[in-house]
Amino acid sequence: MTERVKLIWDFRGPNAQPIAVHHAKHLAEFAMSEKLQNTLTGNEEITSMHHIAFLVIEKPLMNTLRETLKPTRGQIYDD
């Protein structure tokens, strides 16, 4: 399988959790509309005041999607 990258959007503050959940929903819709293969979307709690939304993609798509979606950061994704 191709190496994959986790694009991450950070949300902080008292409303971070619902914002991250909502953003992850839009990332899933984007992946579906663009017919992206082997993607994974979701959200995670880092602390009670810091949540993230993420989109896991294949590494060859990283540069294009980074420019389009403007994530806060990214990292190599390990299954």
PDB file of N, CA and C in Angstrom:
ATOM      1  N   MET A   1       0.837  -1.183   0.000  1.00  0.00           N
ATOM      2  CA  MET A   1       0.000   0.000   0.000  1.00  0.00           C
ATOM      3  C   MET A   1       0.881   1.245   0.000  1.00  0.00           C
ATOM      4  N   THR A   2       0.416   2.279  -0.620  1.00  0.00           N
ATOM      5  CA  THR A   2       1.115   3.551  -0.685  1.00  0.00           C
ATOM      6  C   THR A   2       1.208   4.185   0.699  1.00  0.00           C
ATOM      7  N   GLU A   3       2.282   4.889   0.948  1.00  0.00           N
ATOM      8  CA  GLU A   3       2.416   5.617   2.213  1.00  0.00           C
ATOM      9  C   GLU A   3       1.290   6.648   2.314  1.00  0.00           C
ATOM     10  N   ARG A   4       0.775   6.821   3.522  1.00  0.00           N
ATOM     11  CA  ARG A   4      -0.337   7.752   3.707  1.00  0.00           C
ATOM     12  C   ARG A   4       0.042   8.864   4.685  1.00  0.00           C
ATOM     13  N   VAL A   5      -0.661   9.989   4.548  1.00  0.00           N
ATOM     14  CA  VAL A   5      -0.411  11.182   5.335  1.00  0.00           C
ATOM     15  C   VAL A   5      -1.709  11.584   6.031  1.00  0.00           C
ATOM     16  N   LYS A   6      -1.588  12.034   7.269  1.00  0.00           N
ATOM     17  CA  LYS A   6      -2.736  12.505   8.044  1.00  0.00           C
ATOM     18  C   LYS A   6      -2.702  14.030   8.059  1.00  0.00           C
ATOM     19  N   LEU A   7      -3.648  14.657   7.333  1.00  0.00           N
ATOM     20  CA  LEU A   7      -3.788  16.104   7.361  1.00  0.00           C
ATOM     21  C   LEU A   7      -4.633  16.452   8.578  1.00  0.00           C
ATOM     22  N   ILE A   8      -4.204  17.444   9.361  1.00  0.00           N
ATOM     23  CA  ILE A   8      -4.814  17.730  10.658  1.00  0.00           C
ATOM     24  C   ILE A   8      -5.223  19.196  10.751  1.00  0.00           C
ATOM     25  N   TRP A   9      -6.431  19.405  11.275  1.00  0.00           N
ATOM     26  CA  TRP A   9      -6.944  20.739  11.583  1.00  0.00           C
ATOM     27  C   TRP A   9      -7.136  20.815  13.086  1.00  0.00           C
ATOM     28  N   ASP A  10      -6.485  21.778  13.737  1.00  0.00           N
ATOM     29  CA  ASP A  10      -6.567  21.947  15.187  1.00  0.00           C
ATOM     30  C   ASP A  10      -7.666  22.940  15.546  1.00  0.00           C
ATOM     31  N   PHE A  11      -8.419  22.613  16.592  1.00  0.00           N
ATOM     32  CA  PHE A  11      -9.440  23.511  17.123  1.00  0.00           C
ATOM     33  C   PHE A  11      -9.249  23.579  18.628  1.00  0.00           C
ATOM     34  N   ARG A  12      -9.235  24.802  19.147  1.00  0.00           N
ATOM     35  CA  ARG A  12      -9.005  24.995  20.584  1.00  0.00           C
ATOM     36  C   ARG A  12     -10.112  25.858  21.167  1.00  0.00           C
ATOM     37  N   GLY A  13     -10.363  25.643  22.458  1.00  0.00           N
ATOM     38  CA  GLY A  13     -11.349  26.440  23.171  1.00  0.00           C
ATOM     39  C   GLY A  13     -12.536  25.615  23.599  1.00  0.00           C
ATOM     40  N   PRO A  14     -13.499  26.264  24.252  1.00  0.00           N
ATOM     41  CA  PRO A  14     -14.644  25.534  24.788  1.00  0.00           C
ATOM     42  C   PRO A  14     -15.541  24.907  23.725  1.00  0.00           C
ATOM     43  N   ASN A  15     -15.497  25.413  22.506  1.00  0.00           N
ATOM     44  CA  ASN A  15     -16.324  24.872  21.422  1.00  0.00           C
ATOM     45  C   ASN A  15     -15.529  24.001  20.462  1.00  0.00           C
ATOM     46  N   ALA A  16     -14.335  23.603  20.838  1.00  0.00           N
ATOM     47  CA  ALA A  16     -13.458  22.849  19.938  1.00  0.00           C
ATOM     48  C   ALA A  16     -14.070  21.526  19.504  1.00  0.00           C
ATOM     49  N   GLN A  17     -14.700  20.805  20.413  1.00  0.00           N
ATOM     50  CA  GLN A  17     -15.243  19.479  20.086  1.00  0.00           C
ATOM     51  C   GLN A  17     -16.327  19.535  19.016  1.00  0.00           C
ATOM     52  N   PRO A  18     -17.379  20.349  19.164  1.00  0.00           N
ATOM     53  CA  PRO A  18     -18.391  20.358  18.103  1.00  0.00           C
ATOM     54  C   PRO A  18     -17.867  20.908  16.775  1.00  0.00           C
ATOM     55  N   ILE A  19     -16.917  21.822  16.833  1.00  0.00           N
ATOM     56  CA  ILE A  19     -16.340  22.353  15.591  1.00  0.00           C
ATOM     57  C   ILE A  19     -15.542  21.266  14.879  1.00  0.00           C
ATOM     58  N   ALA A  20     -14.749  20.492  15.626  1.00  0.00           N
ATOM     59  CA  ALA A  20     -13.964  19.414  15.021  1.00  0.00           C
ATOM     60  C   ALA A  20     -14.872  18.350  14.414  1.00  0.00           C
ATOM     61  N   VAL A  21     -15.947  17.998  15.109  1.00  0.00           N
ATOM     62  CA  VAL A  21     -16.902  17.011  14.586  1.00  0.00           C
ATOM     63  C   VAL A  21     -17.514  17.525  13.287  1.00  0.00           C
ATOM     64  N   HIS A  22     -17.928  18.779  13.280  1.00  0.00           N
ATOM     65  CA  HIS A  22     -18.540  19.370  12.089  1.00  0.00           C
ATOM     66  C   HIS A  22     -17.540  19.434  10.930  1.00  0.00           C
ATOM     67  N   HIS A  23     -16.308  19.815  11.231  1.00  0.00           N
ATOM     68  CA  HIS A  23     -15.289  19.905  10.183  1.00  0.00           C
ATOM     69  C   HIS A  23     -14.994  18.520   9.590  1.00  0.00           C
ATOM     70  N   ALA A  24     -14.935  17.507  10.444  1.00  0.00           N
ATOM     71  CA  ALA A  24     -14.691  16.140   9.965  1.00  0.00           C
ATOM     72  C   ALA A  24     -15.803  15.689   9.027  1.00  0.00           C
ATOM     73  N   LYS A  25     -17.038  16.102   9.315  1.00  0.00           N
ATOM     74  CA  LYS A  25     -18.164  15.775   8.427  1.00  0.00           C
ATOM     75  C   LYS A  25     -17.933  16.370   7.033  1.00  0.00           C
ATOM     76  N   HIS A  26     -17.485  17.612   6.983  1.00  0.00           N
ATOM     77  CA  HIS A  26     -17.218  18.245   5.690  1.00  0.00           C
ATOM     78  C   HIS A  26     -16.031  17.599   4.972  1.00  0.00           C
ATOM     79  N   LEU A  27     -15.036  17.162   5.732  1.00  0.00           N
ATOM     80  CA  LEU A  27     -13.907  16.461   5.103  1.00  0.00           C
ATOM     81  C   LEU A  27     -14.366  15.153   4.474  1.00  0.00           C
ATOM     82  N   ALA A  28     -15.259  14.428   5.142  1.00  0.00           N
ATOM     83  CA  ALA A  28     -15.797  13.177   4.587  1.00  0.00           C
ATOM     84  C   ALA A  28     -16.600  13.460   3.321  1.00  0.00           C
ATOM     85  N   GLU A  29     -17.387  14.524   3.340  1.00  0.00           N
ATOM     86  CA  GLU A  29     -18.159  14.901   2.153  1.00  0.00           C
ATOM     87  C   GLU A  29     -17.229  15.273   0.999  1.00  0.00           C
ATOM     88  N   PHE A  30     -16.151  15.993   1.304  1.00  0.00           N
ATOM     89  CA  PHE A  30     -15.175  16.370   0.285  1.00  0.00           C
ATOM     90  C   PHE A  30     -14.537  15.126  -0.325  1.00  0.00           C
ATOM     91  N   ALA A  31     -14.110  14.197   0.517  1.00  0.00           N
ATOM     92  CA  ALA A  31     -13.476  12.968   0.024  1.00  0.00           C
ATOM     93  C   ALA A  31     -14.422  12.195  -0.887  1.00  0.00           C
ATOM     94  N   MET A  32     -15.692  12.162  -0.518  1.00  0.00           N
ATOM     95  CA  MET A  32     -16.674  11.449  -1.333  1.00  0.00           C
ATOM     96  C   MET A  32     -16.918  12.167  -2.661  1.00  0.00           C
ATOM     97  N   SER A  33     -17.071  13.482  -2.620  1.00  0.00           N
ATOM     98  CA  SER A  33     -17.358  14.236  -3.847  1.00  0.00           C
ATOM     99  C   SER A  33     -16.182  14.208  -4.816  1.00  0.00           C
ATOM    100  N   GLU A  34     -14.960  14.153  -4.270  1.00  0.00           N
ATOM    101  CA  GLU A  34     -13.759  14.104  -5.114  1.00  0.00           C
ATOM    102  C   GLU A  34     -13.365  12.676  -5.484  1.00  0.00           C
ATOM    103  N   LYS A  35     -14.135  11.699  -4.978  1.00  0.00           N
ATOM    104  CA  LYS A  35     -13.885  10.282  -5.247  1.00  0.00           C
ATOM    105  C   LYS A  35     -12.453   9.878  -4.853  1.00  0.00           C
ATOM    106  N   LEU A  36     -12.025  10.340  -3.679  1.00  0.00           N
ATOM    107  CA  LEU A  36     -10.702   9.989  -3.174  1.00  0.00           C
ATOM    108  C   LEU A  36     -10.728   8.557  -2.652  1.00  0.00           C
ATOM    109  N   GLN A  37      -9.705   7.799  -2.979  1.00  0.00           N
ATOM    110  CA  GLN A  37      -9.601   6.399  -2.574  1.00  0.00           C
ATOM    111  C   GLN A  37      -8.759   6.274  -1.309  1.00  0.00           C
ATOM    112  N   ASN A  38      -9.041   5.251  -0.508  1.00  0.00           N
ATOM    113  CA  ASN A  38      -8.255   4.923   0.687  1.00  0.00           C
ATOM    114  C   ASN A  38      -8.129   6.086   1.662  1.00  0.00           C
ATOM    115  N   THR A  39      -9.232   6.781   1.904  1.00  0.00           N
ATOM    116  CA  THR A  39      -9.209   7.890   2.854  1.00  0.00           C
ATOM    117  C   THR A  39      -9.837   7.468   4.175  1.00  0.00           C
ATOM    118  N   LEU A  40      -9.542   8.238   5.172  1.00  0.00           N
ATOM    119  CA  LEU A  40     -10.103   8.042   6.502  1.00  0.00           C
ATOM    120  C   LEU A  40     -10.297   9.426   7.087  1.00  0.00           C
ATOM    121  N   THR A  41     -11.472   9.697   7.641  1.00  0.00           N
ATOM    122  CA  THR A  41     -11.726  10.980   8.280  1.00  0.00           C
ATOM    123  C   THR A  41     -12.200  10.744   9.704  1.00  0.00           C
ATOM    124  N   GLY A  42     -12.066  11.763  10.520  1.00  0.00           N
ATOM    125  CA  GLY A  42     -12.561  11.649  11.881  1.00  0.00           C
ATOM    126  C   GLY A  42     -12.131  12.823  12.717  1.00  0.00           C
ATOM    127  N   ASN A  43     -12.353  12.683  14.019  1.00  0.00           N
ATOM    128  CA  ASN A  43     -11.942  13.710  14.960  1.00  0.00           C
ATOM    129  C   ASN A  43     -11.428  13.022  16.209  1.00  0.00           C
ATOM    130  N   GLU A  44     -10.575  13.731  16.942  1.00  0.00           N
ATOM    131  CA  GLU A  44      -9.972  13.185  18.158  1.00  0.00           C
ATOM    132  C   GLU A  44      -9.886  14.275  19.216  1.00  0.00           C
ATOM    133  N   GLU A  45     -10.001  13.863  20.459  1.00  0.00           N
ATOM    134  CA  GLU A  45      -9.783  14.782  21.581  1.00  0.00           C
ATOM    135  C   GLU A  45      -8.329  14.683  22.012  1.00  0.00           C
ATOM    136  N   ILE A  46      -7.641  15.803  21.993  1.00  0.00           N
ATOM    137  CA  ILE A  46      -6.270  15.862  22.482  1.00  0.00           C
ATOM    138  C   ILE A  46      -6.322  16.212  23.976  1.00  0.00           C
ATOM    139  N   THR A  47      -7.029  17.278  24.306  1.00  0.00           N
ATOM    140  CA  THR A  47      -7.371  17.639  25.683  1.00  0.00           C
ATOM    141  C   THR A  47      -8.817  18.136  25.638  1.00  0.00           C
ATOM    142  N   SER A  48      -9.369  18.473  26.783  1.00  0.00           N
ATOM    143  CA  SER A  48     -10.757  18.952  26.798  1.00  0.00           C
ATOM    144  C   SER A  48     -10.920  20.262  26.032  1.00  0.00           C
ATOM    145  N   MET A  49      -9.841  20.995  25.850  1.00  0.00           N
ATOM    146  CA  MET A  49      -9.892  22.275  25.135  1.00  0.00           C
ATOM    147  C   MET A  49      -9.157  22.236  23.795  1.00  0.00           C
ATOM    148  N   HIS A  50      -8.775  21.056  23.348  1.00  0.00           N
ATOM    149  CA  HIS A  50      -8.068  20.916  22.070  1.00  0.00           C
ATOM    150  C   HIS A  50      -8.555  19.647  21.373  1.00  0.00           C
ATOM    151  N   HIS A  51      -9.211  19.847  20.238  1.00  0.00           N
ATOM    152  CA  HIS A  51      -9.699  18.735  19.430  1.00  0.00           C
ATOM    153  C   HIS A  51      -9.156  18.910  18.017  1.00  0.00           C
ATOM    154  N   ILE A  52      -9.093  17.804  17.292  1.00  0.00           N
ATOM    155  CA  ILE A  52      -8.647  17.869  15.898  1.00  0.00           C
ATOM    156  C   ILE A  52      -9.661  17.171  14.994  1.00  0.00           C
ATOM    157  N   ALA A  53      -9.687  17.618  13.756  1.00  0.00           N
ATOM    158  CA  ALA A  53     -10.351  16.900  12.666  1.00  0.00           C
ATOM    159  C   ALA A  53      -9.223  16.461  11.746  1.00  0.00           C
ATOM    160  N   PHE A  54      -9.391  15.304  11.105  1.00  0.00           N
ATOM    161  CA  PHE A  54      -8.312  14.820  10.253  1.00  0.00           C
ATOM    162  C   PHE A  54      -8.842  14.144   8.998  1.00  0.00           C
ATOM    163  N   LEU A  55      -7.967  14.100   7.998  1.00  0.00           N
ATOM    164  CA  LEU A  55      -8.210  13.406   6.740  1.00  0.00           C
ATOM    165  C   LEU A  55      -6.935  12.659   6.395  1.00  0.00           C
ATOM    166  N   VAL A  56      -7.026  11.344   6.289  1.00  0.00           N
ATOM    167  CA  VAL A  56      -5.882  10.520   5.905  1.00  0.00           C
ATOM    168  C   VAL A  56      -5.976  10.266   4.405  1.00  0.00           C
ATOM    169  N   ILE A  57      -4.894  10.571   3.697  1.00  0.00           N
ATOM    170  CA  ILE A  57      -4.853  10.447   2.237  1.00  0.00           C
ATOM    171  C   ILE A  57      -3.568   9.743   1.819  1.00  0.00           C
ATOM    172  N   GLU A  58      -3.519   9.336   0.561  1.00  0.00           N
ATOM    173  CA  GLU A  58      -2.288   8.777   0.017  1.00  0.00           C
ATOM    174  C   GLU A  58      -1.295   9.905  -0.227  1.00  0.00           C
ATOM    175  N   LYS A  59      -0.029   9.638   0.055  1.00  0.00           N
ATOM    176  CA  LYS A  59       1.007  10.669   0.001  1.00  0.00           C
ATOM    177  C   LYS A  59       1.100  11.409  -1.344  1.00  0.00           C
ATOM    178  N   PRO A  60       0.908  10.748  -2.494  1.00  0.00           N
ATOM    179  CA  PRO A  60       0.992  11.497  -3.757  1.00  0.00           C
ATOM    180  C   PRO A  60      -0.032  12.635  -3.880  1.00  0.00           C
ATOM    181  N   LEU A  61      -1.122  12.580  -3.116  1.00  0.00           N
ATOM    182  CA  LEU A  61      -2.146  13.631  -3.160  1.00  0.00           C
ATOM    183  C   LEU A  61      -1.853  14.774  -2.199  1.00  0.00           C
ATOM    184  N   MET A  62      -0.828  14.623  -1.369  1.00  0.00           N
ATOM    185  CA  MET A  62      -0.588  15.566  -0.282  1.00  0.00           C
ATOM    186  C   MET A  62      -0.450  17.013  -0.748  1.00  0.00           C
ATOM    187  N   ASN A  63       0.401  17.284  -1.693  1.00  0.00           N
ATOM    188  CA  ASN A  63       0.643  18.674  -2.097  1.00  0.00           C
ATOM    189  C   ASN A  63      -0.606  19.339  -2.650  1.00  0.00           C
ATOM    190  N   THR A  64      -1.340  18.643  -3.492  1.00  0.00           N
ATOM    191  CA  THR A  64      -2.558  19.205  -4.070  1.00  0.00           C
ATOM    192  C   THR A  64      -3.600  19.482  -3.010  1.00  0.00           C
ATOM    193  N   LEU A  65      -3.844  18.511  -2.141  1.00  0.00           N
ATOM    194  CA  LEU A  65      -4.873  18.687  -1.123  1.00  0.00           C
ATOM    195  C   LEU A  65      -4.445  19.656  -0.031  1.00  0.00           C
ATOM    196  N   ARG A  66      -3.169  19.748   0.244  1.00  0.00           N
ATOM    197  CA  ARG A  66      -2.689  20.718   1.233  1.00  0.00           C
ATOM    198  C   ARG A  66      -2.978  22.133   0.747  1.00  0.00           C
ATOM    199  N   GLU A  67      -2.777  22.388  -0.535  1.00  0.00           N
ATOM    200  CA  GLU A  67      -3.063  23.708  -1.095  1.00  0.00           C
ATOM    201  C   GLU A  67      -4.560  24.002  -1.135  1.00  0.00           C
ATOM    202  N   THR A  68      -5.353  22.982  -1.402  1.00  0.00           N
ATOM    203  CA  THR A  68      -6.804  23.156  -1.505  1.00  0.00           C
ATOM    204  C   THR A  68      -7.467  23.303  -0.142  1.00  0.00           C
ATOM    205  N   LEU A  69      -7.090  22.456   0.821  1.00  0.00           N
ATOM    206  CA  LEU A  69      -7.811  22.365   2.086  1.00  0.00           C
ATOM    207  C   LEU A  69      -7.173  23.135   3.243  1.00  0.00           C
ATOM    208  N   LYS A  70      -5.921  23.546   3.115  1.00  0.00           N
ATOM    209  CA  LYS A  70      -5.227  24.349   4.120  1.00  0.00           C
ATOM    210  C   LYS A  70      -5.264  23.752   5.536  1.00  0.00           C
ATOM    211  N   PRO A  71      -4.755  22.535   5.721  1.00  0.00           N
ATOM    212  CA  PRO A  71      -4.714  21.978   7.075  1.00  0.00           C
ATOM    213  C   PRO A  71      -3.732  22.757   7.952  1.00  0.00           C
ATOM    214  N   THR A  72      -3.883  22.623   9.261  1.00  0.00           N
ATOM    215  CA  THR A  72      -2.971  23.255  10.207  1.00  0.00           C
ATOM    216  C   THR A  72      -1.598  22.591  10.147  1.00  0.00           C
ATOM    217  N   ARG A  73      -1.609  21.264  10.031  1.00  0.00           N
ATOM    218  CA  ARG A  73      -0.361  20.492  10.013  1.00  0.00           C
ATOM    219  C   ARG A  73      -0.634  19.110   9.434  1.00  0.00           C
ATOM    220  N   GLY A  74       0.403  18.315   9.366  1.00  0.00           N
ATOM    221  CA  GLY A  74       0.266  16.952   8.847  1.00  0.00           C
ATOM    222  C   GLY A  74       1.333  16.061   9.438  1.00  0.00           C
ATOM    223  N   GLN A  75       1.129  14.755   9.296  1.00  0.00           N
ATOM    224  CA  GLN A  75       2.115  13.791   9.763  1.00  0.00           C
ATOM    225  C   GLN A  75       1.941  12.488   8.989  1.00  0.00           C
ATOM    226  N   ILE A  76       2.983  11.682   8.977  1.00  0.00           N
ATOM    227  CA  ILE A  76       2.914  10.371   8.345  1.00  0.00           C
ATOM    228  C   ILE A  76       1.913   9.541   9.146  1.00  0.00           C
ATOM    229  N   TYR A  77       1.046   8.821   8.456  1.00  0.00           N
ATOM    230  CA  TYR A  77       0.022   8.018   9.107  1.00  0.00           C
ATOM    231  C   TYR A  77       0.460   6.558   9.183  1.00  0.00           C
ATOM    232  N   ASP A  78       0.454   6.010  10.382  1.00  0.00           N
ATOM    233  CA  ASP A  78       0.722   4.588  10.590  1.00  0.00           C
ATOM    234  C   ASP A  78      -0.583   3.919  10.964  1.00  0.00           C
ATOM    235  N   ASP A  79      -0.906   2.837  10.259  1.00  0.00           N
ATOM    236  CA  ASP A  79      -2.162   2.128  10.522  1.00  0.00           C
ATOM    237  C   ASP A  79      -2.262   1.749  11.943  1.00  0.00           C
TER     238      ASP A  79
END
